[in-house]
């Protein structure tokens, strides 16, 4: 499975961005899809996840109500709609695929999100 993240950029606080993740290869193996992020000098952290049929989603507390994760299995795509962005959301965002529940087997290359004050 190969993952390609895109959609990052520079935005002012309060603004919005939409990240996309394109999956290719053995996409039939994918169960969970998730977004992680890593800010400079900090550990990588979970942001949001969606299960295989898109019906179950979960988020870290700091992004609840602002971020929305979704997936389109017909196009092998995953999305992260980010609204009301805050400076502390600045990070490299990675899309991640798991072939079973709660595993992180495949990682994309990351896309930079920078939120300015």
PDB file of N, CA and C in Angstrom:
ATOM      1  N   UNK A   1       0.846  -1.183   0.000  1.00  0.00           N
ATOM      2  CA  UNK A   1       0.000   0.000   0.000  1.00  0.00           C
ATOM      3  C   UNK A   1       0.890   1.244   0.000  1.00  0.00           C
ATOM      4  N   UNK A   2       0.583   2.171  -0.876  1.00  0.00           N
ATOM      5  CA  UNK A   2       1.288   3.456  -0.914  1.00  0.00           C
ATOM      6  C   UNK A   2       0.295   4.565  -0.617  1.00  0.00           C
ATOM      7  N   UNK A   3       0.750   5.551   0.153  1.00  0.00           N
ATOM      8  CA  UNK A   3      -0.106   6.664   0.553  1.00  0.00           C
ATOM      9  C   UNK A   3       0.550   7.969   0.158  1.00  0.00           C
ATOM     10  N   UNK A   4      -0.233   8.869  -0.404  1.00  0.00           N
ATOM     11  CA  UNK A   4       0.268  10.165  -0.843  1.00  0.00           C
ATOM     12  C   UNK A   4      -0.620  11.250  -0.257  1.00  0.00           C
ATOM     13  N   UNK A   5      -0.073  12.024   0.664  1.00  0.00           N
ATOM     14  CA  UNK A   5      -0.812  13.121   1.290  1.00  0.00           C
ATOM     15  C   UNK A   5      -0.580  14.415   0.533  1.00  0.00           C
ATOM     16  N   UNK A   6      -1.602  15.254   0.510  1.00  0.00           N
ATOM     17  CA  UNK A   6      -1.494  16.554  -0.145  1.00  0.00           C
ATOM     18  C   UNK A   6      -2.468  17.526   0.491  1.00  0.00           C
ATOM     19  N   UNK A   7      -2.341  18.801   0.119  1.00  0.00           N
ATOM     20  CA  UNK A   7      -3.286  19.798   0.592  1.00  0.00           C
ATOM     21  C   UNK A   7      -2.778  20.717   1.681  1.00  0.00           C
ATOM     22  N   UNK A   8      -1.582  20.465   2.156  1.00  0.00           N
ATOM     23  CA  UNK A   8      -1.031  21.335   3.183  1.00  0.00           C
ATOM     24  C   UNK A   8      -0.706  22.707   2.637  1.00  0.00           C
ATOM     25  N   UNK A   9      -0.397  23.631   3.536  1.00  0.00           N
ATOM     26  CA  UNK A   9      -0.058  24.986   3.120  1.00  0.00           C
ATOM     27  C   UNK A   9       0.043  25.904   4.307  1.00  0.00           C
ATOM     28  N   UNK A  10       0.072  27.191   4.019  1.00  0.00           N
ATOM     29  CA  UNK A  10       0.155  28.218   5.047  1.00  0.00           C
ATOM     30  C   UNK A  10      -1.190  28.928   5.123  1.00  0.00           C
ATOM     31  N   UNK A  11      -1.711  29.053   6.321  1.00  0.00           N
ATOM     32  CA  UNK A  11      -3.011  29.681   6.511  1.00  0.00           C
ATOM     33  C   UNK A  11      -2.977  30.481   7.809  1.00  0.00           C
ATOM     34  N   UNK A  12      -3.781  31.515   7.867  1.00  0.00           N
ATOM     35  CA  UNK A  12      -3.861  32.295   9.099  1.00  0.00           C
ATOM     36  C   UNK A  12      -4.747  31.595  10.112  1.00  0.00           C
ATOM     37  N   UNK A  13      -4.518  31.886  11.364  1.00  0.00           N
ATOM     38  CA  UNK A  13      -5.351  31.327  12.425  1.00  0.00           C
ATOM     39  C   UNK A  13      -6.814  31.655  12.160  1.00  0.00           C
ATOM     40  N   UNK A  14      -7.655  30.638  12.357  1.00  0.00           N
ATOM     41  CA  UNK A  14      -9.070  30.789  12.056  1.00  0.00           C
ATOM     42  C   UNK A  14      -9.442  30.322  10.666  1.00  0.00           C
ATOM     43  N   UNK A  15      -8.461  30.066   9.843  1.00  0.00           N
ATOM     44  CA  UNK A  15      -8.700  29.642   8.481  1.00  0.00           C
ATOM     45  C   UNK A  15      -8.942  28.142   8.368  1.00  0.00           C
ATOM     46  N   UNK A  16      -9.030  27.682   7.129  1.00  0.00           N
ATOM     47  CA  UNK A  16      -9.359  26.286   6.854  1.00  0.00           C
ATOM     48  C   UNK A  16      -8.424  25.696   5.811  1.00  0.00           C
ATOM     49  N   UNK A  17      -8.240  24.394   5.908  1.00  0.00           N
ATOM     50  CA  UNK A  17      -7.520  23.627   4.907  1.00  0.00           C
ATOM     51  C   UNK A  17      -8.175  22.264   4.780  1.00  0.00           C
ATOM     52  N   UNK A  18      -8.006  21.660   3.611  1.00  0.00           N
ATOM     53  CA  UNK A  18      -8.506  20.305   3.402  1.00  0.00           C
ATOM     54  C   UNK A  18      -7.350  19.437   2.931  1.00  0.00           C
ATOM     55  N   UNK A  19      -7.008  18.458   3.736  1.00  0.00           N
ATOM     56  CA  UNK A  19      -5.959  17.522   3.372  1.00  0.00           C
ATOM     57  C   UNK A  19      -6.566  16.325   2.658  1.00  0.00           C
ATOM     58  N   UNK A  20      -5.815  15.792   1.711  1.00  0.00           N
ATOM     59  CA  UNK A  20      -6.238  14.599   0.996  1.00  0.00           C
ATOM     60  C   UNK A  20      -5.156  13.543   1.106  1.00  0.00           C
ATOM     61  N   UNK A  21      -5.575  12.301   1.039  1.00  0.00           N
ATOM     62  CA  UNK A  21      -4.641  11.183   1.051  1.00  0.00           C
ATOM     63  C   UNK A  21      -5.107  10.185   0.000  1.00  0.00           C
ATOM     64  N   UNK A  22      -4.244   9.935  -0.975  1.00  0.00           N
ATOM     65  CA  UNK A  22      -4.556   8.974  -2.028  1.00  0.00           C
ATOM     66  C   UNK A  22      -3.849   7.672  -1.744  1.00  0.00           C
ATOM     67  N   UNK A  23      -4.596   6.591  -1.756  1.00  0.00           N
ATOM     68  CA  UNK A  23      -4.033   5.268  -1.519  1.00  0.00           C
ATOM     69  C   UNK A  23      -3.943   4.506  -2.832  1.00  0.00           C
ATOM     70  N   UNK A  24      -2.872   3.733  -2.968  1.00  0.00           N
ATOM     71  CA  UNK A  24      -2.702   2.905  -4.160  1.00  0.00           C
ATOM     72  C   UNK A  24      -2.072   1.591  -3.751  1.00  0.00           C
ATOM     73  N   UNK A  25      -2.027   0.672  -4.699  1.00  0.00           N
ATOM     74  CA  UNK A  25      -1.491  -0.649  -4.399  1.00  0.00           C
ATOM     75  C   UNK A  25      -2.577  -1.566  -3.864  1.00  0.00           C
ATOM     76  N   UNK A  26      -2.227  -2.347  -2.840  1.00  0.00           N
ATOM     77  CA  UNK A  26      -3.182  -3.315  -2.295  1.00  0.00           C
ATOM     78  C   UNK A  26      -4.151  -2.622  -1.337  1.00  0.00           C
ATOM     79  N   UNK A  27      -4.976  -1.766  -1.873  1.00  0.00           N
ATOM     80  CA  UNK A  27      -5.901  -0.998  -1.040  1.00  0.00           C
ATOM     81  C   UNK A  27      -6.975  -1.877  -0.430  1.00  0.00           C
ATOM     82  N   UNK A  28      -7.170  -3.065  -0.980  1.00  0.00           N
ATOM     83  CA  UNK A  28      -8.155  -3.979  -0.402  1.00  0.00           C
ATOM     84  C   UNK A  28      -7.731  -4.447   0.979  1.00  0.00           C
ATOM     85  N   UNK A  29      -6.445  -4.242   1.318  1.00  0.00           N
ATOM     86  CA  UNK A  29      -5.957  -4.670   2.633  1.00  0.00           C
ATOM     87  C   UNK A  29      -6.256  -3.633   3.710  1.00  0.00           C
ATOM     88  N   UNK A  30      -6.641  -2.434   3.309  1.00  0.00           N
ATOM     89  CA  UNK A  30      -6.794  -1.343   4.275  1.00  0.00           C
ATOM     90  C   UNK A  30      -8.046  -1.512   5.110  1.00  0.00           C
ATOM     91  N   UNK A  31      -7.885  -1.378   6.420  1.00  0.00           N
ATOM     92  CA  UNK A  31      -9.035  -1.381   7.321  1.00  0.00           C
ATOM     93  C   UNK A  31      -9.229   0.030   7.878  1.00  0.00           C
ATOM     94  N   UNK A  32      -8.343   0.452   8.735  1.00  0.00           N
ATOM     95  CA  UNK A  32      -8.419   1.793   9.311  1.00  0.00           C
ATOM     96  C   UNK A  32      -7.569   2.769   8.508  1.00  0.00           C
ATOM     97  N   UNK A  33      -8.031   3.999   8.469  1.00  0.00           N
ATOM     98  CA  UNK A  33      -7.225   5.095   7.950  1.00  0.00           C
ATOM     99  C   UNK A  33      -7.160   6.178   9.011  1.00  0.00           C
ATOM    100  N   UNK A  34      -5.994   6.758   9.171  1.00  0.00           N
ATOM    101  CA  UNK A  34      -5.817   7.751  10.222  1.00  0.00           C
ATOM    102  C   UNK A  34      -4.929   8.892   9.747  1.00  0.00           C
ATOM    103  N   UNK A  35      -5.034  10.005  10.452  1.00  0.00           N
ATOM    104  CA  UNK A  35      -4.097  11.107  10.300  1.00  0.00           C
ATOM    105  C   UNK A  35      -3.318  11.247  11.602  1.00  0.00           C
ATOM    106  N   UNK A  36      -2.023  11.379  11.462  1.00  0.00           N
ATOM    107  CA  UNK A  36      -1.134  11.721  12.559  1.00  0.00           C
ATOM    108  C   UNK A  36      -0.464  13.047  12.205  1.00  0.00           C
ATOM    109  N   UNK A  37       0.138  13.679  13.193  1.00  0.00           N
ATOM    110  CA  UNK A  37       0.900  14.889  12.932  1.00  0.00           C
ATOM    111  C   UNK A  37       2.105  14.955  13.851  1.00  0.00           C
ATOM    112  N   UNK A  38       3.086  15.710  13.405  1.00  0.00           N
ATOM    113  CA  UNK A  38       4.287  15.912  14.216  1.00  0.00           C
ATOM    114  C   UNK A  38       4.739  17.349  14.089  1.00  0.00           C
ATOM    115  N   UNK A  39       4.741  18.041  15.206  1.00  0.00           N
ATOM    116  CA  UNK A  39       5.211  19.422  15.263  1.00  0.00           C
ATOM    117  C   UNK A  39       6.702  19.427  15.578  1.00  0.00           C
ATOM    118  N   UNK A  40       7.390  20.500  15.221  1.00  0.00           N
ATOM    119  CA  UNK A  40       8.838  20.568  15.498  1.00  0.00           C
ATOM    120  C   UNK A  40       9.139  20.368  16.977  1.00  0.00           C
ATOM    121  N   UNK A  41      10.052  19.460  17.254  1.00  0.00           N
ATOM    122  CA  UNK A  41      10.464  19.224  18.624  1.00  0.00           C
ATOM    123  C   UNK A  41       9.489  18.419  19.454  1.00  0.00           C
ATOM    124  N   UNK A  42       8.432  17.930  18.834  1.00  0.00           N
ATOM    125  CA  UNK A  42       7.429  17.159  19.568  1.00  0.00           C
ATOM    126  C   UNK A  42       7.285  15.768  18.987  1.00  0.00           C
ATOM    127  N   UNK A  43       6.678  14.898  19.764  1.00  0.00           N
ATOM    128  CA  UNK A  43       6.449  13.544  19.291  1.00  0.00           C
ATOM    129  C   UNK A  43       5.255  13.510  18.328  1.00  0.00           C
ATOM    130  N   UNK A  44       5.283  12.498  17.489  1.00  0.00           N
ATOM    131  CA  UNK A  44       4.169  12.316  16.579  1.00  0.00           C
ATOM    132  C   UNK A  44       2.921  11.963  17.373  1.00  0.00           C
ATOM    133  N   UNK A  45       1.759  12.516  16.970  1.00  0.00           N
ATOM    134  CA  UNK A  45       0.537  12.274  17.709  1.00  0.00           C
ATOM    135  C   UNK A  45      -0.628  11.968  16.786  1.00  0.00           C
ATOM    136  N   UNK A  46      -1.552  11.187  17.295  1.00  0.00           N
ATOM    137  CA  UNK A  46      -2.767  10.839  16.574  1.00  0.00           C
ATOM    138  C   UNK A  46      -3.653  12.070  16.451  1.00  0.00           C
ATOM    139  N   UNK A  47      -4.292  12.232  15.285  1.00  0.00           N
ATOM    140  CA  UNK A  47      -5.209  13.351  15.078  1.00  0.00           C
ATOM    141  C   UNK A  47      -6.639  12.850  14.901  1.00  0.00           C
ATOM    142  N   UNK A  48      -6.831  11.945  13.941  1.00  0.00           N
ATOM    143  CA  UNK A  48      -8.187  11.472  13.643  1.00  0.00           C
ATOM    144  C   UNK A  48      -8.107  10.142  12.924  1.00  0.00           C
ATOM    145  N   UNK A  49      -9.167   9.346  13.053  1.00  0.00           N
ATOM    146  CA  UNK A  49      -9.213   8.060  12.396  1.00  0.00           C
ATOM    147  C   UNK A  49     -10.602   7.735  11.898  1.00  0.00           C
ATOM    148  N   UNK A  50     -10.670   6.880  10.878  1.00  0.00           N
ATOM    149  CA  UNK A  50     -11.946   6.450  10.319  1.00  0.00           C
ATOM    150  C   UNK A  50     -11.852   4.976   9.992  1.00  0.00           C
ATOM    151  N   UNK A  51     -12.919   4.235  10.261  1.00  0.00           N
ATOM    152  CA  UNK A  51     -12.870   2.793  10.015  1.00  0.00           C
ATOM    153  C   UNK A  51     -13.157   2.486   8.562  1.00  0.00           C
ATOM    154  N   UNK A  52     -13.235   1.192   8.246  1.00  0.00           N
ATOM    155  CA  UNK A  52     -13.248   0.770   6.860  1.00  0.00           C
ATOM    156  C   UNK A  52     -14.424   1.290   6.053  1.00  0.00           C
ATOM    157  N   UNK A  53     -15.603   1.434   6.693  1.00  0.00           N
ATOM    158  CA  UNK A  53     -16.768   1.874   5.920  1.00  0.00           C
ATOM    159  C   UNK A  53     -17.106   3.334   6.158  1.00  0.00           C
ATOM    160  N   UNK A  54     -16.271   4.008   6.923  1.00  0.00           N
ATOM    161  CA  UNK A  54     -16.479   5.434   7.151  1.00  0.00           C
ATOM    162  C   UNK A  54     -17.523   5.778   8.179  1.00  0.00           C
ATOM    163  N   UNK A  55     -18.078   4.782   8.817  1.00  0.00           N
ATOM    164  CA  UNK A  55     -19.181   5.046   9.739  1.00  0.00           C
ATOM    165  C   UNK A  55     -18.707   5.370  11.149  1.00  0.00           C
ATOM    166  N   UNK A  56     -17.492   4.984  11.460  1.00  0.00           N
ATOM    167  CA  UNK A  56     -16.975   5.247  12.798  1.00  0.00           C
ATOM    168  C   UNK A  56     -15.747   6.141  12.689  1.00  0.00           C
ATOM    169  N   UNK A  57     -15.785   7.256  13.375  1.00  0.00           N
ATOM    170  CA  UNK A  57     -14.660   8.184  13.389  1.00  0.00           C
ATOM    171  C   UNK A  57     -14.262   8.505  14.821  1.00  0.00           C
ATOM    172  N   UNK A  58     -13.022   8.865  15.015  1.00  0.00           N
ATOM    173  CA  UNK A  58     -12.579   9.285  16.332  1.00  0.00           C
ATOM    174  C   UNK A  58     -11.483  10.331  16.183  1.00  0.00           C
ATOM    175  N   UNK A  59     -11.390  11.211  17.175  1.00  0.00           N
ATOM    176  CA  UNK A  59     -10.515  12.376  17.104  1.00  0.00           C
ATOM    177  C   UNK A  59      -9.787  12.599  18.426  1.00  0.00           C
ATOM    178  N   UNK A  60      -8.640  13.245  18.347  1.00  0.00           N
ATOM    179  CA  UNK A  60      -8.031  13.699  19.582  1.00  0.00           C
ATOM    180  C   UNK A  60      -8.854  14.876  20.094  1.00  0.00           C
ATOM    181  N   UNK A  61      -8.852  15.078  21.396  1.00  0.00           N
ATOM    182  CA  UNK A  61      -9.742  16.069  21.993  1.00  0.00           C
ATOM    183  C   UNK A  61      -9.527  17.469  21.441  1.00  0.00           C
ATOM    184  N   UNK A  62      -8.299  17.834  21.176  1.00  0.00           N
ATOM    185  CA  UNK A  62      -8.006  19.218  20.793  1.00  0.00           C
ATOM    186  C   UNK A  62      -8.536  19.600  19.415  1.00  0.00           C
ATOM    187  N   UNK A  63      -8.943  18.613  18.606  1.00  0.00           N
ATOM    188  CA  UNK A  63      -9.441  18.929  17.266  1.00  0.00           C
ATOM    189  C   UNK A  63     -10.936  18.639  17.116  1.00  0.00           C
ATOM    190  N   UNK A  64     -11.534  18.064  18.132  1.00  0.00           N
ATOM    191  CA  UNK A  64     -12.969  17.758  18.064  1.00  0.00           C
ATOM    192  C   UNK A  64     -13.778  19.025  17.818  1.00  0.00           C
ATOM    193  N   UNK A  65     -14.721  18.928  16.887  1.00  0.00           N
ATOM    194  CA  UNK A  65     -15.540  20.078  16.549  1.00  0.00           C
ATOM    195  C   UNK A  65     -14.927  20.993  15.507  1.00  0.00           C
ATOM    196  N   UNK A  66     -13.639  20.798  15.227  1.00  0.00           N
ATOM    197  CA  UNK A  66     -12.963  21.626  14.218  1.00  0.00           C
ATOM    198  C   UNK A  66     -12.527  20.813  12.992  1.00  0.00           C
ATOM    199  N   UNK A  67     -12.138  19.576  13.213  1.00  0.00           N
ATOM    200  CA  UNK A  67     -11.660  18.713  12.123  1.00  0.00           C
ATOM    201  C   UNK A  67     -12.705  17.638  11.815  1.00  0.00           C
ATOM    202  N   UNK A  68     -12.782  17.269  10.548  1.00  0.00           N
ATOM    203  CA  UNK A  68     -13.675  16.189  10.127  1.00  0.00           C
ATOM    204  C   UNK A  68     -12.924  15.263   9.191  1.00  0.00           C
ATOM    205  N   UNK A  69     -12.897  13.993   9.550  1.00  0.00           N
ATOM    206  CA  UNK A  69     -12.241  12.993   8.718  1.00  0.00           C
ATOM    207  C   UNK A  69     -13.296  12.239   7.919  1.00  0.00           C
ATOM    208  N   UNK A  70     -12.935  11.871   6.701  1.00  0.00           N
ATOM    209  CA  UNK A  70     -13.850  11.102   5.862  1.00  0.00           C
ATOM    210  C   UNK A  70     -13.037  10.268   4.886  1.00  0.00           C
ATOM    211  N   UNK A  71     -13.679   9.315   4.256  1.00  0.00           N
ATOM    212  CA  UNK A  71     -12.997   8.498   3.249  1.00  0.00           C
ATOM    213  C   UNK A  71     -13.971   8.168   2.131  1.00  0.00           C
ATOM    214  N   UNK A  72     -13.421   7.977   0.954  1.00  0.00           N
ATOM    215  CA  UNK A  72     -14.187   7.575  -0.225  1.00  0.00           C
ATOM    216  C   UNK A  72     -13.516   6.329  -0.771  1.00  0.00           C
ATOM    217  N   UNK A  73     -14.056   5.176  -0.454  1.00  0.00           N
ATOM    218  CA  UNK A  73     -13.435   3.921  -0.867  1.00  0.00           C
ATOM    219  C   UNK A  73     -13.530   3.695  -2.366  1.00  0.00           C
ATOM    220  N   UNK A  74     -14.481   4.320  -3.024  1.00  0.00           N
ATOM    221  CA  UNK A  74     -14.598   4.153  -4.475  1.00  0.00           C
ATOM    222  C   UNK A  74     -13.425   4.822  -5.201  1.00  0.00           C
ATOM    223  N   UNK A  75     -12.823   5.815  -4.537  1.00  0.00           N
ATOM    224  CA  UNK A  75     -11.699   6.530  -5.135  1.00  0.00           C
ATOM    225  C   UNK A  75     -10.403   6.296  -4.371  1.00  0.00           C
ATOM    226  N   UNK A  76     -10.454   5.444  -3.341  1.00  0.00           N
ATOM    227  CA  UNK A  76      -9.275   5.178  -2.499  1.00  0.00           C
ATOM    228  C   UNK A  76      -8.684   6.469  -1.941  1.00  0.00           C
ATOM    229  N   UNK A  77      -9.547   7.290  -1.412  1.00  0.00           N
ATOM    230  CA  UNK A  77      -9.135   8.584  -0.879  1.00  0.00           C
ATOM    231  C   UNK A  77      -9.594   8.756   0.563  1.00  0.00           C
ATOM    232  N   UNK A  78      -8.824   9.539   1.310  1.00  0.00           N
ATOM    233  CA  UNK A  78      -9.199   9.949   2.647  1.00  0.00           C
ATOM    234  C   UNK A  78      -8.999  11.454   2.729  1.00  0.00           C
ATOM    235  N   UNK A  79      -9.810  12.097   3.551  1.00  0.00           N
ATOM    236  CA  UNK A  79      -9.752  13.557   3.640  1.00  0.00           C
ATOM    237  C   UNK A  79      -9.746  13.993   5.104  1.00  0.00           C
ATOM    238  N   UNK A  80      -9.190  15.166   5.331  1.00  0.00           N
ATOM    239  CA  UNK A  80      -9.272  15.789   6.648  1.00  0.00           C
ATOM    240  C   UNK A  80      -9.626  17.259   6.429  1.00  0.00           C
ATOM    241  N   UNK A  81     -10.849  17.586   6.757  1.00  0.00           N
ATOM    242  CA  UNK A  81     -11.310  18.961   6.677  1.00  0.00           C
ATOM    243  C   UNK A  81     -10.960  19.646   7.993  1.00  0.00           C
ATOM    244  N   UNK A  82     -10.159  20.708   7.918  1.00  0.00           N
ATOM    245  CA  UNK A  82      -9.687  21.382   9.124  1.00  0.00           C
ATOM    246  C   UNK A  82     -10.198  22.810   9.119  1.00  0.00           C
ATOM    247  N   UNK A  83     -10.998  23.133  10.093  1.00  0.00           N
ATOM    248  CA  UNK A  83     -11.569  24.475  10.224  1.00  0.00           C
ATOM    249  C   UNK A  83     -11.103  25.132  11.514  1.00  0.00           C
ATOM    250  N   UNK A  84     -11.238  26.447  11.559  1.00  0.00           N
ATOM    251  CA  UNK A  84     -10.834  27.206  12.742  1.00  0.00           C
ATOM    252  C   UNK A  84      -9.441  26.789  13.208  1.00  0.00           C
ATOM    253  N   UNK A  85      -8.519  26.790  12.284  1.00  0.00           N
ATOM    254  CA  UNK A  85      -7.168  26.329  12.592  1.00  0.00           C
ATOM    255  C   UNK A  85      -6.495  27.234  13.606  1.00  0.00           C
ATOM    256  N   UNK A  86      -5.681  26.615  14.450  1.00  0.00           N
ATOM    257  CA  UNK A  86      -4.952  27.322  15.483  1.00  0.00           C
ATOM    258  C   UNK A  86      -3.449  27.176  15.245  1.00  0.00           C
ATOM    259  N   UNK A  87      -2.694  28.099  15.814  1.00  0.00           N
ATOM    260  CA  UNK A  87      -1.239  28.057  15.646  1.00  0.00           C
ATOM    261  C   UNK A  87      -0.694  26.696  16.084  1.00  0.00           C
ATOM    262  N   UNK A  88      -1.279  26.137  17.130  1.00  0.00           N
ATOM    263  CA  UNK A  88      -0.796  24.858  17.657  1.00  0.00           C
ATOM    264  C   UNK A  88      -1.122  23.673  16.753  1.00  0.00           C
ATOM    265  N   UNK A  89      -1.873  23.896  15.669  1.00  0.00           N
ATOM    266  CA  UNK A  89      -2.112  22.840  14.691  1.00  0.00           C
ATOM    267  C   UNK A  89      -0.962  22.736  13.689  1.00  0.00           C
ATOM    268  N   UNK A  90      -0.024  23.648  13.744  1.00  0.00           N
ATOM    269  CA  UNK A  90       1.120  23.617  12.846  1.00  0.00           C
ATOM    270  C   UNK A  90       1.915  22.338  13.031  1.00  0.00           C
ATOM    271  N   UNK A  91       2.107  21.606  11.938  1.00  0.00           N
ATOM    272  CA  UNK A  91       2.790  20.314  12.012  1.00  0.00           C
ATOM    273  C   UNK A  91       2.877  19.725  10.607  1.00  0.00           C
ATOM    274  N   UNK A  92       3.653  18.668  10.510  1.00  0.00           N
ATOM    275  CA  UNK A  92       3.592  17.821   9.315  1.00  0.00           C
ATOM    276  C   UNK A  92       2.521  16.770   9.568  1.00  0.00           C
ATOM    277  N   UNK A  93       1.586  16.657   8.646  1.00  0.00           N
ATOM    278  CA  UNK A  93       0.474  15.724   8.788  1.00  0.00           C
ATOM    279  C   UNK A  93       0.724  14.501   7.905  1.00  0.00           C
ATOM    280  N   UNK A  94       0.542  13.331   8.505  1.00  0.00           N
ATOM    281  CA  UNK A  94       0.785  12.061   7.825  1.00  0.00           C
ATOM    282  C   UNK A  94      -0.510  11.263   7.723  1.00  0.00           C
ATOM    283  N   UNK A  95      -0.739  10.656   6.579  1.00  0.00           N
ATOM    284  CA  UNK A  95      -1.838   9.695   6.485  1.00  0.00           C
ATOM    285  C   UNK A  95      -1.281   8.299   6.720  1.00  0.00           C
ATOM    286  N   UNK A  96      -2.064   7.511   7.399  1.00  0.00           N
ATOM    287  CA  UNK A  96      -1.627   6.208   7.884  1.00  0.00           C
ATOM    288  C   UNK A  96      -2.719   5.180   7.613  1.00  0.00           C
ATOM    289  N   UNK A  97      -2.317   3.997   7.194  1.00  0.00           N
ATOM    290  CA  UNK A  97      -3.273   2.923   6.949  1.00  0.00           C
ATOM    291  C   UNK A  97      -2.929   1.712   7.793  1.00  0.00           C
ATOM    292  N   UNK A  98      -3.969   1.092   8.320  1.00  0.00           N
ATOM    293  CA  UNK A  98      -3.798  -0.132   9.084  1.00  0.00           C
ATOM    294  C   UNK A  98      -4.584  -1.260   8.447  1.00  0.00           C
ATOM    295  N   UNK A  99      -4.002  -2.457   8.455  1.00  0.00           N
ATOM    296  CA  UNK A  99      -4.709  -3.582   7.854  1.00  0.00           C
ATOM    297  C   UNK A  99      -5.583  -4.299   8.876  1.00  0.00           C
ATOM    298  N   UNK A 100      -5.411  -3.958  10.143  1.00  0.00           N
ATOM    299  CA  UNK A 100      -6.320  -4.418  11.182  1.00  0.00           C
ATOM    300  C   UNK A 100      -6.604  -3.249  12.107  1.00  0.00           C
ATOM    301  N   UNK A 101      -7.529  -3.454  13.032  1.00  0.00           N
ATOM    302  CA  UNK A 101      -7.898  -2.382  13.944  1.00  0.00           C
ATOM    303  C   UNK A 101      -6.708  -1.950  14.782  1.00  0.00           C
ATOM    304  N   UNK A 102      -6.487  -0.651  14.827  1.00  0.00           N
ATOM    305  CA  UNK A 102      -5.476  -0.039  15.695  1.00  0.00           C
ATOM    306  C   UNK A 102      -4.043  -0.395  15.330  1.00  0.00           C
ATOM    307  N   UNK A 103      -3.798  -0.801  14.105  1.00  0.00           N
ATOM    308  CA  UNK A 103      -2.420  -0.958  13.653  1.00  0.00           C
ATOM    309  C   UNK A 103      -2.086   0.162  12.689  1.00  0.00           C
ATOM    310  N   UNK A 104      -0.809   0.463  12.542  1.00  0.00           N
ATOM    311  CA  UNK A 104      -0.344   1.550  11.683  1.00  0.00           C
ATOM    312  C   UNK A 104       0.731   0.992  10.759  1.00  0.00           C
ATOM    313  N   UNK A 105       0.291   0.345   9.713  1.00  0.00           N
ATOM    314  CA  UNK A 105       1.195  -0.445   8.899  1.00  0.00           C
ATOM    315  C   UNK A 105       1.860   0.340   7.779  1.00  0.00           C
ATOM    316  N   UNK A 106       1.197   1.331   7.243  1.00  0.00           N
ATOM    317  CA  UNK A 106       1.695   2.069   6.099  1.00  0.00           C
ATOM    318  C   UNK A 106       1.574   3.567   6.372  1.00  0.00           C
ATOM    319  N   UNK A 107       2.656   4.299   6.037  1.00  0.00           N
ATOM    320  CA  UNK A 107       2.702   5.738   6.282  1.00  0.00           C
ATOM    321  C   UNK A 107       2.985   6.472   4.976  1.00  0.00           C
ATOM    322  N   UNK A 108       2.295   7.593   4.788  1.00  0.00           N
ATOM    323  CA  UNK A 108       2.584   8.479   3.673  1.00  0.00           C
ATOM    324  C   UNK A 108       3.748   9.387   4.016  1.00  0.00           C
ATOM    325  N   UNK A 109       4.112  10.251   3.091  1.00  0.00           N
ATOM    326  CA  UNK A 109       5.304  11.079   3.255  1.00  0.00           C
ATOM    327  C   UNK A 109       5.065  12.347   4.058  1.00  0.00           C
ATOM    328  N   UNK A 110       3.838  12.725   4.295  1.00  0.00           N
ATOM    329  CA  UNK A 110       3.547  13.905   5.090  1.00  0.00           C
ATOM    330  C   UNK A 110       3.341  15.156   4.251  1.00  0.00           C
ATOM    331  N   UNK A 111       2.506  16.043   4.770  1.00  0.00           N
ATOM    332  CA  UNK A 111       2.272  17.333   4.140  1.00  0.00           C
ATOM    333  C   UNK A 111       2.304  18.404   5.230  1.00  0.00           C
ATOM    334  N   UNK A 112       2.989  19.512   4.965  1.00  0.00           N
ATOM    335  CA  UNK A 112       3.204  20.541   5.974  1.00  0.00           C
ATOM    336  C   UNK A 112       1.988  21.463   6.081  1.00  0.00           C
ATOM    337  N   UNK A 113       1.531  21.658   7.304  1.00  0.00           N
ATOM    338  CA  UNK A 113       0.486  22.635   7.605  1.00  0.00           C
ATOM    339  C   UNK A 113       1.088  23.681   8.540  1.00  0.00           C
ATOM    340  N   UNK A 114       1.034  24.923   8.129  1.00  0.00           N
ATOM    341  CA  UNK A 114       1.553  26.018   8.944  1.00  0.00           C
ATOM    342  C   UNK A 114       0.440  27.028   9.182  1.00  0.00           C
ATOM    343  N   UNK A 115       0.158  27.274  10.448  1.00  0.00           N
ATOM    344  CA  UNK A 115      -0.878  28.232  10.828  1.00  0.00           C
ATOM    345  C   UNK A 115      -0.203  29.435  11.467  1.00  0.00           C
ATOM    346  N   UNK A 116      -0.394  30.599  10.878  1.00  0.00           N
ATOM    347  CA  UNK A 116       0.244  31.802  11.387  1.00  0.00           C
ATOM    348  C   UNK A 116      -0.741  32.606  12.232  1.00  0.00           C
ATOM    349  N   UNK A 117      -0.191  33.342  13.169  1.00  0.00           N
ATOM    350  CA  UNK A 117      -1.048  34.138  14.072  1.00  0.00           C
ATOM    351  C   UNK A 117      -1.381  35.487  13.480  1.00  0.00           C
TER     352      UNK A 117
END
